[in-house]
Amino acid sequence: QVQLVESGGGLVQAGGSLRLSCAASGRTFSSYAMAWFRQAPGKEREFVAAISWSGGSTNFADSVKGRFTISRDNAKNAVYLQMNSLKPEDTAVYYCNARRYRLGILSDYWGQGTQVTVSS
């Protein structure tokens, strides 16, 4: 099992920056691809960013490209989301996700979420 705990959310003004952290437990953390999702009020959960288990590949939603950066430190069992040039539409609960497909089995874990509020 993998336990994920997000932190770093808060209230910021438009144009500001915020860094989210996801702390993970589990000896097999490095085997998981990691991602961030978010859910805004009245909207469905949406993909934000992902990073491969090795950290060599990343992917971003069009809405955050050029503004957000995802990174991971396997030695620290941590994943980060650097959020710059924040906009009010970035307001949402942000969730950390860990996923692995090994030996025909999909393992998928989620954190409890952290609130990000961007004011204008």
C-alpha atoms as a PDB file:
ATOM      1  CA  GLN A   1       0.000   0.000   0.000  1.00  0.00           C
ATOM      2  CA  VAL A   2       0.946   3.611  -0.585  1.00  0.00           C
ATOM      3  CA  GLN A   3      -0.243   6.473   1.591  1.00  0.00           C
ATOM      4  CA  LEU A   4      -0.212   9.980   0.168  1.00  0.00           C
ATOM      5  CA  VAL A   5      -0.490  13.228   2.105  1.00  0.00           C
ATOM      6  CA  GLU A   6      -0.720  16.575   0.306  1.00  0.00           C
ATOM      7  CA  SER A   7       0.318  19.875   1.818  1.00  0.00           C
ATOM      8  CA  GLY A   8       1.152  23.414   0.787  1.00  0.00           C
ATOM      9  CA  GLY A   9      -2.270  24.621  -0.234  1.00  0.00           C
ATOM     10  CA  GLY A  10      -3.600  27.974   0.826  1.00  0.00           C
ATOM     11  CA  LEU A  11      -4.934  31.343  -0.235  1.00  0.00           C
ATOM     12  CA  VAL A  12      -2.949  33.415  -2.714  1.00  0.00           C
ATOM     13  CA  GLN A  13      -3.622  36.362  -4.982  1.00  0.00           C
ATOM     14  CA  ALA A  14      -3.749  36.050  -8.744  1.00  0.00           C
ATOM     15  CA  GLY A  15      -0.265  36.122 -10.221  1.00  0.00           C
ATOM     16  CA  GLY A  16       1.265  34.579  -7.146  1.00  0.00           C
ATOM     17  CA  SER A  17       2.968  31.232  -6.637  1.00  0.00           C
ATOM     18  CA  LEU A  18       2.419  28.186  -4.502  1.00  0.00           C
ATOM     19  CA  ARG A  19       4.291  24.919  -4.076  1.00  0.00           C
ATOM     20  CA  LEU A  20       2.360  21.773  -3.270  1.00  0.00           C
ATOM     21  CA  SER A  21       3.992  18.732  -1.751  1.00  0.00           C
ATOM     22  CA  CYS A  22       2.914  15.120  -1.658  1.00  0.00           C
ATOM     23  CA  ALA A  23       4.575  12.924   0.927  1.00  0.00           C
ATOM     24  CA  ALA A  24       4.356   9.209   0.264  1.00  0.00           C
ATOM     25  CA  SER A  25       4.953   6.140   2.342  1.00  0.00           C
ATOM     26  CA  GLY A  26       5.835   2.722   1.011  1.00  0.00           C
ATOM     27  CA  ARG A  27       8.997   0.922   0.034  1.00  0.00           C
ATOM     28  CA  THR A  28       7.968   0.734  -3.617  1.00  0.00           C
ATOM     29  CA  PHE A  29       7.336   4.459  -4.077  1.00  0.00           C
ATOM     30  CA  SER A  30       9.897   4.772  -6.852  1.00  0.00           C
ATOM     31  CA  SER A  31       7.949   2.278  -8.962  1.00  0.00           C
ATOM     32  CA  TYR A  32       4.923   4.559  -9.254  1.00  0.00           C
ATOM     33  CA  ALA A  33       4.127   7.201 -11.784  1.00  0.00           C
ATOM     34  CA  MET A  34       2.845  10.268  -9.963  1.00  0.00           C
ATOM     35  CA  ALA A  35       0.272  12.842 -10.915  1.00  0.00           C
ATOM     36  CA  TRP A  36      -1.725  15.792  -9.684  1.00  0.00           C
ATOM     37  CA  PHE A  37      -5.431  16.213 -10.275  1.00  0.00           C
ATOM     38  CA  ARG A  38      -7.787  18.936  -9.165  1.00  0.00           C
ATOM     39  CA  GLN A  39     -11.471  19.462  -8.673  1.00  0.00           C
ATOM     40  CA  ALA A  40     -12.979  22.929  -8.719  1.00  0.00           C
ATOM     41  CA  PRO A  41     -16.401  23.778  -7.271  1.00  0.00           C
ATOM     42  CA  GLY A  42     -19.119  22.566  -9.608  1.00  0.00           C
ATOM     43  CA  LYS A  43     -16.679  20.793 -11.912  1.00  0.00           C
ATOM     44  CA  GLU A  44     -15.434  17.281 -12.505  1.00  0.00           C
ATOM     45  CA  ARG A  45     -12.001  16.180 -11.418  1.00  0.00           C
ATOM     46  CA  GLU A  46      -9.411  17.065 -14.039  1.00  0.00           C
ATOM     47  CA  PHE A  47      -5.862  16.083 -14.808  1.00  0.00           C
ATOM     48  CA  VAL A  48      -3.177  18.647 -14.030  1.00  0.00           C
ATOM     49  CA  ALA A  49       0.274  17.096 -14.363  1.00  0.00           C
ATOM     50  CA  ALA A  50       2.089  13.770 -14.285  1.00  0.00           C
ATOM     51  CA  ILE A  51       5.618  12.487 -13.967  1.00  0.00           C
ATOM     52  CA  SER A  52       7.023   9.061 -14.746  1.00  0.00           C
ATOM     53  CA  TRP A  53       8.520   6.807 -12.098  1.00  0.00           C
ATOM     54  CA  SER A  54      12.026   7.777 -13.180  1.00  0.00           C
ATOM     55  CA  GLY A  55      11.234  11.466 -13.449  1.00  0.00           C
ATOM     56  CA  GLY A  56      12.346  11.452 -17.062  1.00  0.00           C
ATOM     57  CA  SER A  57       8.973  12.241 -18.575  1.00  0.00           C
ATOM     58  CA  THR A  58       6.317  14.790 -17.651  1.00  0.00           C
ATOM     59  CA  ASN A  59       2.935  15.772 -18.973  1.00  0.00           C
ATOM     60  CA  PHE A  60       0.732  18.801 -18.326  1.00  0.00           C
ATOM     61  CA  ALA A  61      -2.797  19.859 -18.999  1.00  0.00           C
ATOM     62  CA  ASP A  62      -3.030  22.629 -21.584  1.00  0.00           C
ATOM     63  CA  SER A  63      -4.510  24.958 -18.992  1.00  0.00           C
ATOM     64  CA  VAL A  64      -1.355  24.891 -16.867  1.00  0.00           C
ATOM     65  CA  LYS A  65       1.423  24.472 -19.432  1.00  0.00           C
ATOM     66  CA  GLY A  66       4.127  27.039 -18.957  1.00  0.00           C
ATOM     67  CA  ARG A  67       2.919  27.875 -15.462  1.00  0.00           C
ATOM     68  CA  PHE A  68       3.136  24.643 -13.463  1.00  0.00           C
ATOM     69  CA  THR A  69       6.051  22.289 -12.955  1.00  0.00           C
ATOM     70  CA  ILE A  70       5.963  18.782 -11.522  1.00  0.00           C
ATOM     71  CA  SER A  71       8.973  17.082  -9.983  1.00  0.00           C
ATOM     72  CA  ARG A  72       9.780  14.173  -7.722  1.00  0.00           C
ATOM     73  CA  ASP A  73      12.462  13.104  -5.315  1.00  0.00           C
ATOM     74  CA  ASN A  74      12.357   9.350  -4.897  1.00  0.00           C
ATOM     75  CA  ALA A  75      14.954   9.447  -2.142  1.00  0.00           C
ATOM     76  CA  LYS A  76      12.552  11.574  -0.112  1.00  0.00           C
ATOM     77  CA  ASN A  77       9.387   9.800  -1.273  1.00  0.00           C
ATOM     78  CA  ALA A  78       7.996  13.136  -2.364  1.00  0.00           C
ATOM     79  CA  VAL A  79       6.324  14.755  -5.352  1.00  0.00           C
ATOM     80  CA  TYR A  80       5.944  18.476  -5.889  1.00  0.00           C
ATOM     81  CA  LEU A  81       3.819  20.808  -7.945  1.00  0.00           C
ATOM     82  CA  GLN A  82       5.230  24.289  -8.425  1.00  0.00           C
ATOM     83  CA  MET A  83       2.415  26.621  -9.393  1.00  0.00           C
ATOM     84  CA  ASN A  84       3.301  30.012 -10.849  1.00  0.00           C
ATOM     85  CA  SER A  85       1.237  32.828 -12.331  1.00  0.00           C
ATOM     86  CA  LEU A  86      -1.806  31.525 -10.541  1.00  0.00           C
ATOM     87  CA  LYS A  87      -5.251  32.444 -11.797  1.00  0.00           C
ATOM     88  CA  PRO A  88      -8.628  32.413 -10.052  1.00  0.00           C
ATOM     89  CA  GLU A  89      -9.612  29.491 -12.279  1.00  0.00           C
ATOM     90  CA  ASP A  90      -6.860  27.442 -10.634  1.00  0.00           C
ATOM     91  CA  THR A  91      -8.918  27.409  -7.457  1.00  0.00           C
ATOM     92  CA  ALA A  92      -9.632  23.787  -6.586  1.00  0.00           C
ATOM     93  CA  VAL A  93      -8.856  20.936  -4.276  1.00  0.00           C
ATOM     94  CA  TYR A  94      -5.629  19.371  -5.515  1.00  0.00           C
ATOM     95  CA  TYR A  95      -5.094  15.639  -5.191  1.00  0.00           C
ATOM     96  CA  CYS A  96      -1.923  13.601  -5.402  1.00  0.00           C
ATOM     97  CA  ASN A  97      -2.130  10.315  -7.298  1.00  0.00           C
ATOM     98  CA  ALA A  98       0.212   7.334  -7.467  1.00  0.00           C
ATOM     99  CA  ARG A  99      -0.226   4.687 -10.139  1.00  0.00           C
ATOM    100  CA  ARG A 100       1.625   1.538 -11.105  1.00  0.00           C
ATOM    101  CA  TYR A 101       0.917  -1.235 -13.563  1.00  0.00           C
ATOM    102  CA  ARG A 102       2.984  -4.304 -12.774  1.00  0.00           C
ATOM    103  CA  LEU A 103       2.476  -7.971 -13.562  1.00  0.00           C
ATOM    104  CA  GLY A 104      -0.938  -7.245 -15.015  1.00  0.00           C
ATOM    105  CA  ILE A 105      -2.152  -5.455 -11.887  1.00  0.00           C
ATOM    106  CA  LEU A 106      -3.082  -1.791 -11.674  1.00  0.00           C
ATOM    107  CA  SER A 107      -2.350  -0.104  -8.354  1.00  0.00           C
ATOM    108  CA  ASP A 108      -3.891   3.323  -7.849  1.00  0.00           C
ATOM    109  CA  TYR A 109      -3.717   5.507  -4.726  1.00  0.00           C
ATOM    110  CA  TRP A 110      -4.981   8.965  -3.821  1.00  0.00           C
ATOM    111  CA  GLY A 111      -4.255  11.535  -1.178  1.00  0.00           C
ATOM    112  CA  GLN A 112      -6.916  13.406   0.766  1.00  0.00           C
ATOM    113  CA  GLY A 113      -6.434  16.658  -1.114  1.00  0.00           C
ATOM    114  CA  THR A 114      -5.296  20.175  -0.299  1.00  0.00           C
ATOM    115  CA  GLN A 115      -7.263  23.345  -0.987  1.00  0.00           C
ATOM    116  CA  VAL A 116      -5.832  26.009  -3.271  1.00  0.00           C
ATOM    117  CA  THR A 117      -7.708  29.285  -3.487  1.00  0.00           C
ATOM    118  CA  VAL A 118      -6.644  32.072  -5.833  1.00  0.00           C
ATOM    119  CA  SER A 119      -8.238  35.454  -5.332  1.00  0.00           C
ATOM    120  CA  SER A 120      -8.339  38.401  -7.709  1.00  0.00           C
END
